[in-house]
Each structure stands twice: as C-alpha cells, then as structure tokens.
Amino acid sequence: MLIQIRKRSDPRSSEITPKSAYLDYVSRRRFLGTAVAAGMIGSLPLPASAAAPKKAALQGVVKSRYKLDEPLTDTEAATGYNNFYEFGTGKTDPATYSKDFKPKPWTVAIAGEAAKTATVDFDDLIKPHQLEERVYRLRCVEAWSMIVPWVGVPLADVIKRFEPSSKAKYVAFETLNDPQRMPGQKSRVLDWPYVEGLRMDEAMHPLAILAVGMYGEEMPNQNGAPIRLVVPWKYGFKSIKSIVKIAFVEKEPPTSWNRSAPNEYGFYSNVNPTVDHPRWSQAKERRIGDSLFSAKRPTLMFNGYADEVAALYAGMEMKKNY
C-alpha cells in the first residue's frame, strides 16, 4: 500500500478555521462591500448561501494515497461559494441557479488525434475505472483556497483507453453550451462555450483527475456536475466543469480566460506566488474558513505540489509562461 508522505509544504491542522468562521467571513464580506458603497460602518451579519441539495452517495470508492494532514473545508462552504459563470458571476449564483440543472443523461465526445474516437455515455466513460477519493487543495486566482475530498478517476487512465497518436501534444476540454440549462451563458461575460487545455504530459500526470463527486457523493451541480477536471497545482479556473468534449490536438488549444484577458491569464496558470495578477498579488491567500480579519497565509509554489510537478516545467521561465 502506498502512503503519501507529508511534506514540509503541507499545511498544519491548526491552520484551518471552523465552519462558523467561514460563515462570518461571507457575511462580513457582503456587508463590507455594501458599507463601502454606502459610506457606512457596521457589523450586521448577513445570511450565508444555502447548502447544496443532498446528492446520491458514490459506491465502491477507495481511499487514495493522495491526502493532506488537515481538516476538510466544510461541505457547505465548498458547495456554496463557487466560480461557475455558466450559472452567474456571483459566488452564490451557481448554488442558486443550478438547482434545476439535470446532469444526466450525459455524454462526452472524444475527438482528435487518437485511434479511438466516439461519443461516450458518462457511465461508459467512468465505470471501467476505480473511483478514488483524493484530498486536494484547490487555489482560486482570487486568492482563496479550500481542501476538498474529490472522488474521481485518473485522467491518464481515461486518456490511454482512446490511444492518442504521437501528434497529440495537448488535450483540449469543452463545457456544455446550453443557455436554457445554464442561464449564465445568456450573458456575454465570456465567449461560450468555456474551453480549457493541458499539455499532454500535464494531462498524463498522476495528480490530474476527472472528478465525478466530492465528500463521497455525486458532484453537485454548482461544482461541475456530472464530470469536471481537477488539476490541483493550477489555479481553479483550469479545472473545467461539466465537460462534454475531450479532444487530442497537435497545437496549443485556446482557453477561455486567456482568450478573454490574455494580459491576466496565461495558458499554464500554475499557482506561483512570485507572479502577480495585474490587479492583485498572488503571494498570499485565505482559506475558505478563515475570518476576513485573520492574517493571510503564504501561497505555496504549485499550490504545495512542487515536489510532484516541478519537473514538468524544468528549464521554462515561469514568469513568462504564466
């Protein structure tokens, strides 16, 4: 049995603040935004977002060697404070506006430079593989992070089934484009559908997974049901949600945020505390659960996974290839 050895970069259990502090953070954040706009000072609490509806428990899940020696982010926090612009740009919009989204039946198109291409039913895509629970950090570009027990399968195992050719240098991903089911797509805040991509060696790295659940249950709608990517050493927007297409391509594929704001978001989007976002520093972060008034913690290179992934970028200028 493989045991994940705790590294010095892994945070301590004492660093996590309980659920009550997170709710206080959300309430204060909302209030302070209103207060600043109105020139007010005060501390009246506002209600936090509603918890995610109960999802079906996933069966046959094994514990992975990938885990962290610290408490998990509270389920309500991880499912109630999200970026998923297909359902709105506010942090609570995804939980609010995805309630009626039906993620099944679902198919994923496999295309491009591969021996086997097809449109595959969700169950046929996932069931041949062992479901694993992996506890990963996820770091948002807006300087907050969380610790989540994702349930999924290694992306590399899925890729191998379709036998990509030597021409396949990258893997491109695409989200469902259906404004009737995803009302946020009626806005032109992004050029829909949402697209993302990885270099082939990144996609084949054992840390990258296709996640179908979290906290032992099926993936909540607001977190990317029924299937999403999780790449823990990159900023969260790289972990594309509600995937309907995986393509093996020869040239670097476009990515939504790079296409929208190329001066702010690069193709790689590795967590790097030395590369600032043009509008804020990435050197520090807050964990969901921290008080708004608590000190920020230092951001870890590659989100704390440097020992595992730094070799992928040997010889690259990480500030240029951000």
C-alpha atoms as a PDB file:
ATOM      1  CA  MET A   1       0.000   0.000   0.000  1.00  0.00           C
ATOM      2  CA  LEU A   2       1.318   3.452  -0.938  1.00  0.00           C
ATOM      3  CA  ILE A   3       1.280   6.121   1.747  1.00  0.00           C
ATOM      4  CA  GLN A   4       1.512   9.796   0.862  1.00  0.00           C
ATOM      5  CA  ILE A   5       4.362  11.231   2.933  1.00  0.00           C
ATOM      6  CA  ARG A   6       3.659  14.624   4.440  1.00  0.00           C
ATOM      7  CA  LYS A   7       5.962  17.310   3.070  1.00  0.00           C
ATOM      8  CA  ARG A   8       7.132  20.461   4.748  1.00  0.00           C
ATOM      9  CA  SER A   9       4.988  22.426   2.292  1.00  0.00           C
ATOM     10  CA  ASP A  10       1.819  20.716   3.563  1.00  0.00           C
ATOM     11  CA  PRO A  11      -0.165  22.964   5.939  1.00  0.00           C
ATOM     12  CA  ARG A  12      -0.757  22.029   9.581  1.00  0.00           C
ATOM     13  CA  SER A  13      -4.133  21.042  11.000  1.00  0.00           C
ATOM     14  CA  SER A  14      -4.024  24.103  13.231  1.00  0.00           C
ATOM     15  CA  GLU A  15      -4.229  26.367  10.174  1.00  0.00           C
ATOM     16  CA  ILE A  16      -7.878  25.623   9.437  1.00  0.00           C
ATOM     17  CA  THR A  17     -10.666  27.757  10.935  1.00  0.00           C
ATOM     18  CA  PRO A  18     -14.041  26.087  11.604  1.00  0.00           C
ATOM     19  CA  LYS A  19     -17.284  26.490   9.675  1.00  0.00           C
ATOM     20  CA  SER A  20     -18.558  29.288  11.912  1.00  0.00           C
ATOM     21  CA  ALA A  21     -15.612  31.463  10.893  1.00  0.00           C
ATOM     22  CA  TYR A  22     -16.328  30.893   7.217  1.00  0.00           C
ATOM     23  CA  LEU A  23     -19.948  31.963   7.643  1.00  0.00           C
ATOM     24  CA  ASP A  24     -18.698  35.033   9.455  1.00  0.00           C
ATOM     25  CA  TYR A  25     -16.312  35.694   6.555  1.00  0.00           C
ATOM     26  CA  VAL A  26     -19.066  35.510   3.927  1.00  0.00           C
ATOM     27  CA  SER A  27     -21.393  37.693   5.982  1.00  0.00           C
ATOM     28  CA  ARG A  28     -18.744  40.318   6.661  1.00  0.00           C
ATOM     29  CA  ARG A  29     -17.550  40.320   3.056  1.00  0.00           C
ATOM     30  CA  ARG A  30     -21.030  41.046   1.781  1.00  0.00           C
ATOM     31  CA  PHE A  31     -21.680  43.677   4.422  1.00  0.00           C
ATOM     32  CA  LEU A  32     -18.380  45.466   3.933  1.00  0.00           C
ATOM     33  CA  GLY A  33     -19.000  45.694   0.193  1.00  0.00           C
ATOM     34  CA  THR A  34     -22.353  47.349   0.900  1.00  0.00           C
ATOM     35  CA  ALA A  35     -20.895  49.544   3.605  1.00  0.00           C
ATOM     36  CA  VAL A  36     -18.099  50.832   1.413  1.00  0.00           C
ATOM     37  CA  ALA A  37     -20.539  51.658  -1.363  1.00  0.00           C
ATOM     38  CA  ALA A  38     -22.826  53.483   1.041  1.00  0.00           C
ATOM     39  CA  GLY A  39     -20.129  55.090   3.190  1.00  0.00           C
ATOM     40  CA  MET A  40     -21.318  53.110   6.224  1.00  0.00           C
ATOM     41  CA  ILE A  41     -19.510  51.349   9.059  1.00  0.00           C
ATOM     42  CA  GLY A  42     -21.119  48.438  10.890  1.00  0.00           C
ATOM     43  CA  SER A  43     -21.094  44.720  11.566  1.00  0.00           C
ATOM     44  CA  LEU A  44     -24.611  43.418  10.969  1.00  0.00           C
ATOM     45  CA  PRO A  45     -24.338  39.779   9.802  1.00  0.00           C
ATOM     46  CA  LEU A  46     -25.973  38.649   6.600  1.00  0.00           C
ATOM     47  CA  PRO A  47     -27.037  35.056   5.855  1.00  0.00           C
ATOM     48  CA  ALA A  48     -24.598  32.752   4.076  1.00  0.00           C
ATOM     49  CA  SER A  49     -25.604  30.849   0.944  1.00  0.00           C
ATOM     50  CA  ALA A  50     -27.750  27.747   1.189  1.00  0.00           C
ATOM     51  CA  ALA A  51     -26.118  24.338   1.393  1.00  0.00           C
ATOM     52  CA  ALA A  52     -26.086  22.090  -1.658  1.00  0.00           C
ATOM     53  CA  PRO A  53     -29.021  19.695  -2.060  1.00  0.00           C
ATOM     54  CA  LYS A  54     -28.203  16.163  -0.948  1.00  0.00           C
ATOM     55  CA  LYS A  55     -26.682  14.080  -3.737  1.00  0.00           C
ATOM     56  CA  ALA A  56     -26.513  10.307  -4.111  1.00  0.00           C
ATOM     57  CA  ALA A  57     -23.673   8.549  -2.314  1.00  0.00           C
ATOM     58  CA  LEU A  58     -21.000   7.083  -4.582  1.00  0.00           C
ATOM     59  CA  GLN A  59     -20.342   3.371  -4.176  1.00  0.00           C
ATOM     60  CA  GLY A  60     -17.082   1.442  -4.398  1.00  0.00           C
ATOM     61  CA  VAL A  61     -14.816   4.400  -3.661  1.00  0.00           C
ATOM     62  CA  VAL A  62     -11.326   3.594  -2.385  1.00  0.00           C
ATOM     63  CA  LYS A  63      -9.141   5.933  -0.368  1.00  0.00           C
ATOM     64  CA  SER A  64      -6.214   7.225  -2.389  1.00  0.00           C
ATOM     65  CA  ARG A  65      -2.656   7.751  -1.254  1.00  0.00           C
ATOM     66  CA  TYR A  66      -3.184  11.431  -2.049  1.00  0.00           C
ATOM     67  CA  LYS A  67      -4.321  13.113   1.126  1.00  0.00           C
ATOM     68  CA  LEU A  68      -3.492  16.064   3.371  1.00  0.00           C
ATOM     69  CA  ASP A  69      -2.890  16.167   7.090  1.00  0.00           C
ATOM     70  CA  GLU A  70      -5.521  18.780   7.846  1.00  0.00           C
ATOM     71  CA  PRO A  71      -9.300  19.059   8.246  1.00  0.00           C
ATOM     72  CA  LEU A  72     -11.501  19.346   5.175  1.00  0.00           C
ATOM     73  CA  THR A  73     -13.245  22.522   4.147  1.00  0.00           C
ATOM     74  CA  ASP A  74     -16.822  22.415   5.382  1.00  0.00           C
ATOM     75  CA  THR A  75     -19.189  20.951   2.777  1.00  0.00           C
ATOM     76  CA  GLU A  76     -21.499  23.957   2.889  1.00  0.00           C
ATOM     77  CA  ALA A  77     -18.573  26.288   2.247  1.00  0.00           C
ATOM     78  CA  ALA A  78     -17.178  24.255  -0.645  1.00  0.00           C
ATOM     79  CA  THR A  79     -20.571  23.954  -2.346  1.00  0.00           C
ATOM     80  CA  GLY A  80     -21.932  27.413  -1.548  1.00  0.00           C
ATOM     81  CA  TYR A  81     -19.068  29.717  -2.568  1.00  0.00           C
ATOM     82  CA  ASN A  82     -18.144  28.983  -6.172  1.00  0.00           C
ATOM     83  CA  ASN A  83     -16.981  30.308  -9.504  1.00  0.00           C
ATOM     84  CA  PHE A  84     -19.108  28.804 -12.285  1.00  0.00           C
ATOM     85  CA  TYR A  85     -20.001  31.612 -14.662  1.00  0.00           C
ATOM     86  CA  GLU A  86     -22.386  29.400 -16.631  1.00  0.00           C
ATOM     87  CA  PHE A  87     -24.759  29.982 -13.709  1.00  0.00           C
ATOM     88  CA  GLY A  88     -23.795  33.571 -12.897  1.00  0.00           C
ATOM     89  CA  THR A  89     -20.828  35.657 -11.831  1.00  0.00           C
ATOM     90  CA  GLY A  90     -21.689  35.950  -8.126  1.00  0.00           C
ATOM     91  CA  LYS A  91     -20.154  33.488  -5.682  1.00  0.00           C
ATOM     92  CA  THR A  92     -23.567  32.223  -4.576  1.00  0.00           C
ATOM     93  CA  ASP A  93     -25.118  32.287  -8.075  1.00  0.00           C
ATOM     94  CA  PRO A  94     -24.064  28.731  -9.022  1.00  0.00           C
ATOM     95  CA  ALA A  95     -25.779  27.206  -5.982  1.00  0.00           C
ATOM     96  CA  THR A  96     -28.850  29.374  -6.577  1.00  0.00           C
ATOM     97  CA  TYR A  97     -29.311  28.986 -10.318  1.00  0.00           C
ATOM     98  CA  SER A  98     -28.148  25.402 -10.875  1.00  0.00           C
ATOM     99  CA  LYS A  99     -30.789  23.770  -8.676  1.00  0.00           C
ATOM    100  CA  ASP A 100     -32.886  22.603 -11.658  1.00  0.00           C
ATOM    101  CA  PHE A 101     -29.932  21.573 -13.823  1.00  0.00           C
ATOM    102  CA  LYS A 102     -30.208  17.917 -14.879  1.00  0.00           C
ATOM    103  CA  PRO A 103     -26.698  16.454 -15.346  1.00  0.00           C
ATOM    104  CA  LYS A 104     -27.871  13.068 -16.584  1.00  0.00           C
ATOM    105  CA  PRO A 105     -28.152  11.606 -19.144  1.00  0.00           C
ATOM    106  CA  TRP A 106     -24.735  12.905 -20.204  1.00  0.00           C
ATOM    107  CA  THR A 107     -22.285  12.120 -22.968  1.00  0.00           C
ATOM    108  CA  VAL A 108     -18.687  13.154 -23.623  1.00  0.00           C
ATOM    109  CA  ALA A 109     -17.308  13.389 -27.163  1.00  0.00           C
ATOM    110  CA  ILE A 110     -13.774  12.021 -27.606  1.00  0.00           C
ATOM    111  CA  ALA A 111     -12.185  13.567 -30.684  1.00  0.00           C
ATOM    112  CA  GLY A 112      -8.963  14.464 -32.456  1.00  0.00           C
ATOM    113  CA  GLU A 113      -5.657  12.674 -32.901  1.00  0.00           C
ATOM    114  CA  ALA A 114      -6.499   9.265 -31.442  1.00  0.00           C
ATOM    115  CA  ALA A 115      -7.069   5.719 -32.628  1.00  0.00           C
ATOM    116  CA  LYS A 116     -10.434   5.564 -30.906  1.00  0.00           C
ATOM    117  CA  THR A 117     -12.868   8.464 -31.109  1.00  0.00           C
ATOM    118  CA  ALA A 118     -16.520   8.321 -30.147  1.00  0.00           C
ATOM    119  CA  THR A 119     -19.297   9.958 -28.176  1.00  0.00           C
ATOM    120  CA  VAL A 120     -19.315   8.070 -24.906  1.00  0.00           C
ATOM    121  CA  ASP A 121     -22.030   7.820 -22.292  1.00  0.00           C
ATOM    122  CA  PHE A 122     -20.988   9.114 -18.884  1.00  0.00           C
ATOM    123  CA  ASP A 123     -21.269   5.695 -17.261  1.00  0.00           C
ATOM    124  CA  ASP A 124     -19.274   4.027 -20.036  1.00  0.00           C
ATOM    125  CA  LEU A 125     -16.561   6.637 -19.647  1.00  0.00           C
ATOM    126  CA  ILE A 126     -16.216   6.260 -15.880  1.00  0.00           C
ATOM    127  CA  LYS A 127     -17.281   2.739 -14.868  1.00  0.00           C
ATOM    128  CA  PRO A 128     -14.236   0.906 -16.292  1.00  0.00           C
ATOM    129  CA  HIS A 129     -12.103   2.762 -13.750  1.00  0.00           C
ATOM    130  CA  GLN A 130     -11.753   2.535  -9.987  1.00  0.00           C
ATOM    131  CA  LEU A 131     -13.202   5.545  -8.185  1.00  0.00           C
ATOM    132  CA  GLU A 132     -10.727   7.116  -5.766  1.00  0.00           C
ATOM    133  CA  GLU A 133     -11.102   9.728  -3.074  1.00  0.00           C
ATOM    134  CA  ARG A 134      -8.286  12.263  -3.268  1.00  0.00           C
ATOM    135  CA  VAL A 135      -7.952  15.138  -0.837  1.00  0.00           C
ATOM    136  CA  TYR A 136      -6.544  18.105  -2.737  1.00  0.00           C
ATOM    137  CA  ARG A 137      -6.094  21.822  -2.225  1.00  0.00           C
ATOM    138  CA  LEU A 138      -7.800  23.981  -4.820  1.00  0.00           C
ATOM    139  CA  ARG A 139      -6.494  27.548  -5.122  1.00  0.00           C
ATOM    140  CA  CYS A 140      -8.590  30.262  -6.759  1.00  0.00           C
ATOM    141  CA  VAL A 141      -6.886  33.062  -8.670  1.00  0.00           C
ATOM    142  CA  GLU A 142      -8.797  35.478  -6.425  1.00  0.00           C
ATOM    143  CA  ALA A 143      -6.588  34.398  -3.504  1.00  0.00           C
ATOM    144  CA  TRP A 144      -8.764  31.930  -1.645  1.00  0.00           C
ATOM    145  CA  SER A 145      -8.352  28.187  -1.322  1.00  0.00           C
ATOM    146  CA  MET A 146     -10.073  25.097   0.052  1.00  0.00           C
ATOM    147  CA  ILE A 147      -9.363  21.468   0.968  1.00  0.00           C
ATOM    148  CA  VAL A 148     -11.782  19.047  -0.691  1.00  0.00           C
ATOM    149  CA  PRO A 149     -12.101  15.246  -0.875  1.00  0.00           C
ATOM    150  CA  TRP A 150     -12.704  14.816  -4.598  1.00  0.00           C
ATOM    151  CA  VAL A 151     -13.922  11.493  -5.976  1.00  0.00           C
ATOM    152  CA  GLY A 152     -12.787  10.604  -9.465  1.00  0.00           C
ATOM    153  CA  VAL A 153     -10.514   8.631 -11.749  1.00  0.00           C
ATOM    154  CA  PRO A 154      -7.006   9.381 -13.046  1.00  0.00           C
ATOM    155  CA  LEU A 155      -7.215  11.411 -16.238  1.00  0.00           C
ATOM    156  CA  ALA A 156      -4.265   9.429 -17.596  1.00  0.00           C
ATOM    157  CA  ASP A 157      -6.192   6.159 -17.337  1.00  0.00           C
ATOM    158  CA  VAL A 158      -9.075   7.585 -19.363  1.00  0.00           C
ATOM    159  CA  ILE A 159      -6.741   9.047 -21.988  1.00  0.00           C
ATOM    160  CA  LYS A 160      -4.932   5.745 -22.506  1.00  0.00           C
ATOM    161  CA  ARG A 161      -8.185   3.994 -23.425  1.00  0.00           C
ATOM    162  CA  PHE A 162      -8.554   6.130 -26.555  1.00  0.00           C
ATOM    163  CA  GLU A 163      -4.949   5.702 -27.727  1.00  0.00           C
ATOM    164  CA  PRO A 164      -3.911   9.237 -28.705  1.00  0.00           C
ATOM    165  CA  SER A 165      -1.348   9.358 -31.509  1.00  0.00           C
ATOM    166  CA  SER A 166       2.103  10.936 -31.463  1.00  0.00           C
ATOM    167  CA  LYS A 167       0.536  14.069 -32.977  1.00  0.00           C
ATOM    168  CA  ALA A 168      -1.486  14.662 -29.799  1.00  0.00           C
ATOM    169  CA  LYS A 169       0.621  17.199 -27.919  1.00  0.00           C
ATOM    170  CA  TYR A 170      -2.274  18.723 -25.966  1.00  0.00           C
ATOM    171  CA  VAL A 171      -5.646  17.768 -24.520  1.00  0.00           C
ATOM    172  CA  ALA A 172      -8.490  20.243 -25.052  1.00  0.00           C
ATOM    173  CA  PHE A 173     -11.663  20.315 -22.953  1.00  0.00           C
ATOM    174  CA  GLU A 174     -15.050  21.909 -23.550  1.00  0.00           C
ATOM    175  CA  THR A 175     -18.001  22.664 -21.252  1.00  0.00           C
ATOM    176  CA  LEU A 176     -21.673  22.241 -22.160  1.00  0.00           C
ATOM    177  CA  ASN A 177     -23.034  25.233 -24.076  1.00  0.00           C
ATOM    178  CA  ASP A 178     -26.778  25.413 -23.372  1.00  0.00           C
ATOM    179  CA  PRO A 179     -28.110  28.801 -22.185  1.00  0.00           C
ATOM    180  CA  GLN A 180     -31.511  27.297 -21.399  1.00  0.00           C
ATOM    181  CA  ARG A 181     -29.943  24.933 -18.885  1.00  0.00           C
ATOM    182  CA  MET A 182     -27.107  27.257 -17.891  1.00  0.00           C
ATOM    183  CA  PRO A 183     -28.644  30.744 -17.665  1.00  0.00           C
ATOM    184  CA  GLY A 184     -25.325  32.483 -17.065  1.00  0.00           C
ATOM    185  CA  GLN A 185     -24.455  31.764 -20.700  1.00  0.00           C
ATOM    186  CA  LYS A 186     -27.083  34.289 -21.760  1.00  0.00           C
ATOM    187  CA  SER A 187     -24.546  36.896 -20.648  1.00  0.00           C
ATOM    188  CA  ARG A 188     -21.543  37.644 -22.842  1.00  0.00           C
ATOM    189  CA  VAL A 189     -19.164  37.855 -19.892  1.00  0.00           C
ATOM    190  CA  LEU A 190     -17.171  35.097 -21.641  1.00  0.00           C
ATOM    191  CA  ASP A 191     -17.071  33.681 -25.145  1.00  0.00           C
ATOM    192  CA  TRP A 192     -19.036  30.435 -24.715  1.00  0.00           C
ATOM    193  CA  PRO A 193     -18.524  27.542 -24.573  1.00  0.00           C
ATOM    194  CA  TYR A 194     -15.924  27.518 -21.839  1.00  0.00           C
ATOM    195  CA  VAL A 195     -12.765  25.806 -23.045  1.00  0.00           C
ATOM    196  CA  GLU A 196      -9.535  24.730 -21.373  1.00  0.00           C
ATOM    197  CA  GLY A 197      -6.445  22.719 -22.169  1.00  0.00           C
ATOM    198  CA  LEU A 198      -3.394  20.928 -20.830  1.00  0.00           C
ATOM    199  CA  ARG A 199      -0.138  19.821 -22.328  1.00  0.00           C
ATOM    200  CA  MET A 200      -0.203  16.052 -22.817  1.00  0.00           C
ATOM    201  CA  ASP A 201       2.419  15.453 -20.137  1.00  0.00           C
ATOM    202  CA  GLU A 202       0.368  17.556 -17.689  1.00  0.00           C
ATOM    203  CA  ALA A 203      -2.771  15.607 -18.529  1.00  0.00           C
ATOM    204  CA  MET A 204      -0.932  12.315 -18.021  1.00  0.00           C
ATOM    205  CA  HIS A 205       0.438  13.338 -14.626  1.00  0.00           C
ATOM    206  CA  PRO A 206      -0.979  11.132 -11.836  1.00  0.00           C
ATOM    207  CA  LEU A 207      -2.275  14.134  -9.875  1.00  0.00           C
ATOM    208  CA  ALA A 208      -4.734  15.144 -12.638  1.00  0.00           C
ATOM    209  CA  ILE A 209      -8.171  13.563 -12.302  1.00  0.00           C
ATOM    210  CA  LEU A 210     -11.621  13.589 -13.826  1.00  0.00           C
ATOM    211  CA  ALA A 211     -13.809  14.142 -10.776  1.00  0.00           C
ATOM    212  CA  VAL A 212     -17.391  12.895 -10.568  1.00  0.00           C
ATOM    213  CA  GLY A 213     -18.053  13.648  -6.916  1.00  0.00           C
ATOM    214  CA  MET A 214     -16.908  15.218  -3.679  1.00  0.00           C
ATOM    215  CA  TYR A 215     -17.396  14.367   0.002  1.00  0.00           C
ATOM    216  CA  GLY A 216     -18.388  10.822  -1.014  1.00  0.00           C
ATOM    217  CA  GLU A 217     -21.384  11.963  -3.056  1.00  0.00           C
ATOM    218  CA  GLU A 218     -22.108  12.683  -6.710  1.00  0.00           C
ATOM    219  CA  MET A 219     -20.815  16.028  -7.942  1.00  0.00           C
ATOM    220  CA  PRO A 220     -23.122  18.928  -7.009  1.00  0.00           C
ATOM    221  CA  ASN A 221     -24.429  20.934  -9.942  1.00  0.00           C
ATOM    222  CA  GLN A 222     -22.675  24.098  -8.813  1.00  0.00           C
ATOM    223  CA  ASN A 223     -19.313  22.319  -8.603  1.00  0.00           C
ATOM    224  CA  GLY A 224     -19.383  20.954 -12.158  1.00  0.00           C
ATOM    225  CA  ALA A 225     -21.781  18.010 -12.385  1.00  0.00           C
ATOM    226  CA  PRO A 226     -21.555  15.413 -13.620  1.00  0.00           C
ATOM    227  CA  ILE A 227     -17.843  15.459 -14.536  1.00  0.00           C
ATOM    228  CA  ARG A 228     -15.078  18.019 -14.174  1.00  0.00           C
ATOM    229  CA  LEU A 229     -11.324  18.251 -14.307  1.00  0.00           C
ATOM    230  CA  VAL A 230      -9.242  18.742 -11.147  1.00  0.00           C
ATOM    231  CA  VAL A 231      -5.622  19.844 -11.618  1.00  0.00           C
ATOM    232  CA  PRO A 232      -4.516  20.727  -8.085  1.00  0.00           C
ATOM    233  CA  TRP A 233      -1.247  22.531  -8.895  1.00  0.00           C
ATOM    234  CA  LYS A 234      -3.020  25.052 -11.158  1.00  0.00           C
ATOM    235  CA  TYR A 235      -5.470  27.843 -10.385  1.00  0.00           C
ATOM    236  CA  GLY A 236      -9.038  26.639 -10.073  1.00  0.00           C
ATOM    237  CA  PHE A 237     -10.312  28.016 -13.385  1.00  0.00           C
ATOM    238  CA  LYS A 238      -8.127  25.424 -15.170  1.00  0.00           C
ATOM    239  CA  SER A 239     -10.292  22.689 -13.626  1.00  0.00           C
ATOM    240  CA  ILE A 240     -13.042  22.962 -16.226  1.00  0.00           C
ATOM    241  CA  LYS A 241     -16.554  21.878 -15.210  1.00  0.00           C
ATOM    242  CA  SER A 242     -19.436  19.971 -16.858  1.00  0.00           C
ATOM    243  CA  ILE A 243     -17.228  18.551 -19.612  1.00  0.00           C
ATOM    244  CA  VAL A 244     -18.864  17.474 -22.885  1.00  0.00           C
ATOM    245  CA  LYS A 245     -15.793  17.144 -25.102  1.00  0.00           C
ATOM    246  CA  ILE A 246     -12.201  15.934 -24.777  1.00  0.00           C
ATOM    247  CA  ALA A 247     -10.032  16.387 -27.868  1.00  0.00           C
ATOM    248  CA  PHE A 248      -6.436  15.360 -28.556  1.00  0.00           C
ATOM    249  CA  VAL A 249      -4.797  18.135 -30.576  1.00  0.00           C
ATOM    250  CA  GLU A 250      -1.413  19.000 -32.049  1.00  0.00           C
ATOM    251  CA  LYS A 251      -1.340  22.727 -31.282  1.00  0.00           C
ATOM    252  CA  GLU A 252      -1.881  24.609 -28.032  1.00  0.00           C
ATOM    253  CA  PRO A 253      -5.666  24.969 -27.675  1.00  0.00           C
ATOM    254  CA  PRO A 254      -7.397  28.229 -26.731  1.00  0.00           C
ATOM    255  CA  THR A 255      -8.516  28.685 -23.138  1.00  0.00           C
ATOM    256  CA  SER A 256     -11.438  30.862 -22.097  1.00  0.00           C
ATOM    257  CA  TRP A 257      -9.747  33.192 -19.636  1.00  0.00           C
ATOM    258  CA  ASN A 258      -6.619  33.594 -21.749  1.00  0.00           C
ATOM    259  CA  ARG A 259      -8.819  34.458 -24.710  1.00  0.00           C
ATOM    260  CA  SER A 260     -10.843  36.905 -22.616  1.00  0.00           C
ATOM    261  CA  ALA A 261      -7.919  38.636 -20.862  1.00  0.00           C
ATOM    262  CA  PRO A 262      -4.530  37.459 -22.191  1.00  0.00           C
ATOM    263  CA  ASN A 263      -2.647  40.012 -20.097  1.00  0.00           C
ATOM    264  CA  GLU A 264      -4.083  38.470 -16.933  1.00  0.00           C
ATOM    265  CA  TYR A 265      -4.405  34.738 -17.616  1.00  0.00           C
ATOM    266  CA  GLY A 266      -1.834  32.558 -19.344  1.00  0.00           C
ATOM    267  CA  PHE A 267      -2.179  29.063 -20.763  1.00  0.00           C
ATOM    268  CA  TYR A 268      -0.319  27.363 -17.929  1.00  0.00           C
ATOM    269  CA  SER A 269      -1.874  29.147 -14.926  1.00  0.00           C
ATOM    270  CA  ASN A 270       0.314  27.312 -12.436  1.00  0.00           C
ATOM    271  CA  VAL A 271      -0.041  28.545  -8.854  1.00  0.00           C
ATOM    272  CA  ASN A 272       3.001  30.780  -8.468  1.00  0.00           C
ATOM    273  CA  PRO A 273       3.305  33.278  -5.605  1.00  0.00           C
ATOM    274  CA  THR A 274       6.042  35.200  -7.472  1.00  0.00           C
ATOM    275  CA  VAL A 275       3.809  36.090 -10.427  1.00  0.00           C
ATOM    276  CA  ASP A 276       1.248  38.732  -9.549  1.00  0.00           C
ATOM    277  CA  HIS A 277      -2.102  39.070 -11.217  1.00  0.00           C
ATOM    278  CA  PRO A 278      -2.114  42.562 -12.811  1.00  0.00           C
ATOM    279  CA  ARG A 279      -4.738  43.668 -10.300  1.00  0.00           C
ATOM    280  CA  TRP A 280      -3.576  41.928  -7.113  1.00  0.00           C
ATOM    281  CA  SER A 281      -0.779  39.960  -5.519  1.00  0.00           C
ATOM    282  CA  GLN A 282      -0.757  36.159  -5.587  1.00  0.00           C
ATOM    283  CA  ALA A 283       1.800  35.900  -2.786  1.00  0.00           C
ATOM    284  CA  LYS A 284      -0.777  35.232  -0.065  1.00  0.00           C
ATOM    285  CA  GLU A 285      -4.196  33.668   0.251  1.00  0.00           C
ATOM    286  CA  ARG A 286      -7.093  32.996   2.589  1.00  0.00           C
ATOM    287  CA  ARG A 287      -8.510  29.551   3.147  1.00  0.00           C
ATOM    288  CA  ILE A 288     -12.287  29.340   2.994  1.00  0.00           C
ATOM    289  CA  GLY A 289     -12.995  29.114   6.713  1.00  0.00           C
ATOM    290  CA  ASP A 290     -10.615  31.901   7.678  1.00  0.00           C
ATOM    291  CA  SER A 291     -12.013  35.087   9.145  1.00  0.00           C
ATOM    292  CA  LEU A 292     -11.913  38.125   6.910  1.00  0.00           C
ATOM    293  CA  PHE A 293      -9.760  39.776   9.552  1.00  0.00           C
ATOM    294  CA  SER A 294      -7.326  36.905  10.034  1.00  0.00           C
ATOM    295  CA  ALA A 295      -3.828  37.098   8.582  1.00  0.00           C
ATOM    296  CA  LYS A 296      -3.401  35.667   5.109  1.00  0.00           C
ATOM    297  CA  ARG A 297      -1.130  32.645   4.679  1.00  0.00           C
ATOM    298  CA  PRO A 298       1.714  32.435   2.148  1.00  0.00           C
ATOM    299  CA  THR A 299       0.771  30.911  -1.183  1.00  0.00           C
ATOM    300  CA  LEU A 300       2.747  27.739  -1.904  1.00  0.00           C
ATOM    301  CA  MET A 301       4.539  27.226  -5.200  1.00  0.00           C
ATOM    302  CA  PHE A 302       2.483  24.916  -7.401  1.00  0.00           C
ATOM    303  CA  ASN A 303      -0.122  25.056  -4.607  1.00  0.00           C
ATOM    304  CA  GLY A 304       2.116  22.849  -2.463  1.00  0.00           C
ATOM    305  CA  TYR A 305       2.647  20.171  -5.134  1.00  0.00           C
ATOM    306  CA  ALA A 306       6.076  21.339  -6.295  1.00  0.00           C
ATOM    307  CA  ASP A 307       7.765  18.062  -5.351  1.00  0.00           C
ATOM    308  CA  GLU A 308       5.443  16.204  -7.701  1.00  0.00           C
ATOM    309  CA  VAL A 309       5.143  18.562 -10.694  1.00  0.00           C
ATOM    310  CA  ALA A 310       8.095  20.974 -10.845  1.00  0.00           C
ATOM    311  CA  ALA A 311       9.965  18.640 -13.232  1.00  0.00           C
ATOM    312  CA  LEU A 312       7.253  19.220 -15.849  1.00  0.00           C
ATOM    313  CA  TYR A 313       8.490  22.784 -16.221  1.00  0.00           C
ATOM    314  CA  ALA A 314      12.255  22.311 -15.944  1.00  0.00           C
ATOM    315  CA  GLY A 315      14.051  24.975 -17.965  1.00  0.00           C
ATOM    316  CA  MET A 316      10.929  27.069 -18.513  1.00  0.00           C
ATOM    317  CA  GLU A 317      10.739  30.712 -17.492  1.00  0.00           C
ATOM    318  CA  MET A 318       7.761  30.525 -15.124  1.00  0.00           C
ATOM    319  CA  LYS A 319       7.039  34.269 -15.171  1.00  0.00           C
ATOM    320  CA  LYS A 320       6.930  34.359 -18.971  1.00  0.00           C
ATOM    321  CA  ASN A 321       4.965  31.097 -19.198  1.00  0.00           C
ATOM    322  CA  TYR A 322       2.457  32.043 -16.535  1.00  0.00           C
END
